[in-house]
């Protein structure tokens, strides 16, 4: 039993140290597939679609919300600046590539 307590204590100290030293998770930006559909609501209805070119946009992950296979993302231009349409819904599978700064 004493060996278990020593190992358990060592484990807790190691986990606590990793948590204390771990960097804060930052948002990442991703490009969208060229066929991505962006909309106001999590649907494929054409009345909810936004007239935005997915090739000129980046999305900030992780998603703000998820609903029925759709994700709501914060939108940015290719320079990383926010755009006037701040967020949009797109099917979650439309994320293409991680964009490094």
C-alpha atoms as a PDB file:
ATOM      1  CA  UNK A   1       0.000   0.000   0.000  1.00  0.00           C
ATOM      2  CA  UNK A   2       2.768   2.570   0.765  1.00  0.00           C
ATOM      3  CA  UNK A   3       4.270   2.024  -2.723  1.00  0.00           C
ATOM      4  CA  UNK A   4       0.876   2.771  -4.284  1.00  0.00           C
ATOM      5  CA  UNK A   5       0.590   5.994  -2.294  1.00  0.00           C
ATOM      6  CA  UNK A   6       4.065   7.119  -3.349  1.00  0.00           C
ATOM      7  CA  UNK A   7       3.341   6.371  -7.011  1.00  0.00           C
ATOM      8  CA  UNK A   8      -0.048   8.057  -6.780  1.00  0.00           C
ATOM      9  CA  UNK A   9       1.527  11.145  -5.216  1.00  0.00           C
ATOM     10  CA  UNK A  10       4.262  11.262  -7.856  1.00  0.00           C
ATOM     11  CA  UNK A  11       1.626  10.954 -10.594  1.00  0.00           C
ATOM     12  CA  UNK A  12      -0.355  13.878  -9.155  1.00  0.00           C
ATOM     13  CA  UNK A  13       2.768  16.033  -8.926  1.00  0.00           C
ATOM     14  CA  UNK A  14       3.694  15.259 -12.549  1.00  0.00           C
ATOM     15  CA  UNK A  15       0.188  15.984 -13.848  1.00  0.00           C
ATOM     16  CA  UNK A  16       0.048  19.219 -11.854  1.00  0.00           C
ATOM     17  CA  UNK A  17       3.404  20.293 -13.281  1.00  0.00           C
ATOM     18  CA  UNK A  18       2.346  19.592 -16.850  1.00  0.00           C
ATOM     19  CA  UNK A  19      -0.867  21.572 -16.392  1.00  0.00           C
ATOM     20  CA  UNK A  20       1.015  24.503 -14.850  1.00  0.00           C
ATOM     21  CA  UNK A  21       3.598  24.634 -17.645  1.00  0.00           C
ATOM     22  CA  UNK A  22       1.327  23.846 -20.603  1.00  0.00           C
ATOM     23  CA  UNK A  23       0.820  26.792 -22.962  1.00  0.00           C
ATOM     24  CA  UNK A  24      -2.596  28.346 -23.330  1.00  0.00           C
ATOM     25  CA  UNK A  25      -4.394  26.897 -26.345  1.00  0.00           C
ATOM     26  CA  UNK A  26      -4.707  29.551 -29.015  1.00  0.00           C
ATOM     27  CA  UNK A  27      -7.208  29.742 -31.817  1.00  0.00           C
ATOM     28  CA  UNK A  28      -6.094  28.425 -35.184  1.00  0.00           C
ATOM     29  CA  UNK A  29      -7.137  29.616 -38.615  1.00  0.00           C
ATOM     30  CA  UNK A  30      -8.152  27.292 -41.414  1.00  0.00           C
ATOM     31  CA  UNK A  31      -8.929  27.721 -45.084  1.00  0.00           C
ATOM     32  CA  UNK A  32     -12.193  26.432 -46.530  1.00  0.00           C
ATOM     33  CA  UNK A  33     -12.747  24.067 -49.434  1.00  0.00           C
ATOM     34  CA  UNK A  34     -13.545  25.810 -52.697  1.00  0.00           C
ATOM     35  CA  UNK A  35     -17.044  24.254 -52.669  1.00  0.00           C
ATOM     36  CA  UNK A  36     -17.868  25.408 -49.122  1.00  0.00           C
ATOM     37  CA  UNK A  37     -21.323  26.849 -48.486  1.00  0.00           C
ATOM     38  CA  UNK A  38     -21.644  29.588 -45.862  1.00  0.00           C
ATOM     39  CA  UNK A  39     -25.007  30.424 -44.332  1.00  0.00           C
ATOM     40  CA  UNK A  40     -26.757  32.398 -41.581  1.00  0.00           C
ATOM     41  CA  UNK A  41     -28.364  29.267 -40.107  1.00  0.00           C
ATOM     42  CA  UNK A  42     -27.166  25.630 -39.875  1.00  0.00           C
ATOM     43  CA  UNK A  43     -29.093  24.531 -43.010  1.00  0.00           C
ATOM     44  CA  UNK A  44     -28.589  24.010 -46.733  1.00  0.00           C
ATOM     45  CA  UNK A  45     -31.528  26.307 -47.597  1.00  0.00           C
ATOM     46  CA  UNK A  46     -30.572  28.726 -50.364  1.00  0.00           C
ATOM     47  CA  UNK A  47     -32.498  31.523 -48.609  1.00  0.00           C
ATOM     48  CA  UNK A  48     -30.008  31.380 -45.694  1.00  0.00           C
ATOM     49  CA  UNK A  49     -26.843  31.367 -47.828  1.00  0.00           C
ATOM     50  CA  UNK A  50     -24.323  34.173 -47.649  1.00  0.00           C
ATOM     51  CA  UNK A  51     -22.722  35.522 -50.816  1.00  0.00           C
ATOM     52  CA  UNK A  52     -19.145  35.060 -49.649  1.00  0.00           C
ATOM     53  CA  UNK A  53     -16.280  33.515 -51.601  1.00  0.00           C
ATOM     54  CA  UNK A  54     -14.830  30.694 -49.459  1.00  0.00           C
ATOM     55  CA  UNK A  55     -11.459  31.012 -51.231  1.00  0.00           C
ATOM     56  CA  UNK A  56     -11.060  34.562 -49.879  1.00  0.00           C
ATOM     57  CA  UNK A  57     -11.865  33.604 -46.273  1.00  0.00           C
ATOM     58  CA  UNK A  58     -10.338  31.933 -43.268  1.00  0.00           C
ATOM     59  CA  UNK A  59     -12.248  30.501 -40.318  1.00  0.00           C
ATOM     60  CA  UNK A  60     -11.086  30.584 -36.722  1.00  0.00           C
ATOM     61  CA  UNK A  61     -11.236  27.280 -34.875  1.00  0.00           C
ATOM     62  CA  UNK A  62     -12.422  25.731 -32.739  1.00  0.00           C
ATOM     63  CA  UNK A  63     -16.030  26.176 -33.808  1.00  0.00           C
ATOM     64  CA  UNK A  64     -18.160  28.545 -31.729  1.00  0.00           C
ATOM     65  CA  UNK A  65     -21.134  26.155 -31.967  1.00  0.00           C
ATOM     66  CA  UNK A  66     -22.091  22.860 -33.590  1.00  0.00           C
ATOM     67  CA  UNK A  67     -25.517  21.722 -34.754  1.00  0.00           C
ATOM     68  CA  UNK A  68     -26.536  18.792 -36.988  1.00  0.00           C
ATOM     69  CA  UNK A  69     -23.152  18.510 -38.703  1.00  0.00           C
ATOM     70  CA  UNK A  70     -22.789  22.276 -39.150  1.00  0.00           C
ATOM     71  CA  UNK A  71     -20.209  24.416 -37.361  1.00  0.00           C
ATOM     72  CA  UNK A  72     -20.409  28.157 -36.713  1.00  0.00           C
ATOM     73  CA  UNK A  73     -17.056  29.852 -37.185  1.00  0.00           C
ATOM     74  CA  UNK A  74     -15.640  33.316 -36.785  1.00  0.00           C
ATOM     75  CA  UNK A  75     -14.669  34.618 -40.240  1.00  0.00           C
ATOM     76  CA  UNK A  76     -11.483  36.415 -41.298  1.00  0.00           C
ATOM     77  CA  UNK A  77     -10.068  37.634 -44.600  1.00  0.00           C
ATOM     78  CA  UNK A  78      -6.870  36.068 -45.966  1.00  0.00           C
ATOM     79  CA  UNK A  79      -4.824  38.654 -44.048  1.00  0.00           C
ATOM     80  CA  UNK A  80      -6.353  37.423 -40.786  1.00  0.00           C
ATOM     81  CA  UNK A  81      -8.502  40.530 -40.219  1.00  0.00           C
ATOM     82  CA  UNK A  82     -12.161  40.180 -39.118  1.00  0.00           C
ATOM     83  CA  UNK A  83     -14.742  40.869 -41.827  1.00  0.00           C
ATOM     84  CA  UNK A  84     -18.146  42.569 -41.572  1.00  0.00           C
ATOM     85  CA  UNK A  85     -19.990  39.235 -41.543  1.00  0.00           C
ATOM     86  CA  UNK A  86     -18.447  38.148 -38.263  1.00  0.00           C
ATOM     87  CA  UNK A  87     -19.645  34.521 -38.178  1.00  0.00           C
ATOM     88  CA  UNK A  88     -21.209  31.965 -40.486  1.00  0.00           C
ATOM     89  CA  UNK A  89     -22.367  28.357 -40.483  1.00  0.00           C
ATOM     90  CA  UNK A  90     -20.842  25.757 -42.786  1.00  0.00           C
ATOM     91  CA  UNK A  91     -20.833  21.968 -42.776  1.00  0.00           C
ATOM     92  CA  UNK A  92     -18.001  20.954 -40.443  1.00  0.00           C
ATOM     93  CA  UNK A  93     -16.297  18.922 -43.186  1.00  0.00           C
ATOM     94  CA  UNK A  94     -15.630  22.092 -45.228  1.00  0.00           C
ATOM     95  CA  UNK A  95     -12.499  22.904 -43.231  1.00  0.00           C
ATOM     96  CA  UNK A  96      -9.529  22.425 -45.545  1.00  0.00           C
ATOM     97  CA  UNK A  97      -6.061  23.351 -44.254  1.00  0.00           C
ATOM     98  CA  UNK A  98      -4.432  24.832 -41.195  1.00  0.00           C
ATOM     99  CA  UNK A  99      -3.011  28.254 -42.062  1.00  0.00           C
ATOM    100  CA  UNK A 100       0.188  29.085 -40.224  1.00  0.00           C
ATOM    101  CA  UNK A 101       0.998  32.737 -39.453  1.00  0.00           C
END
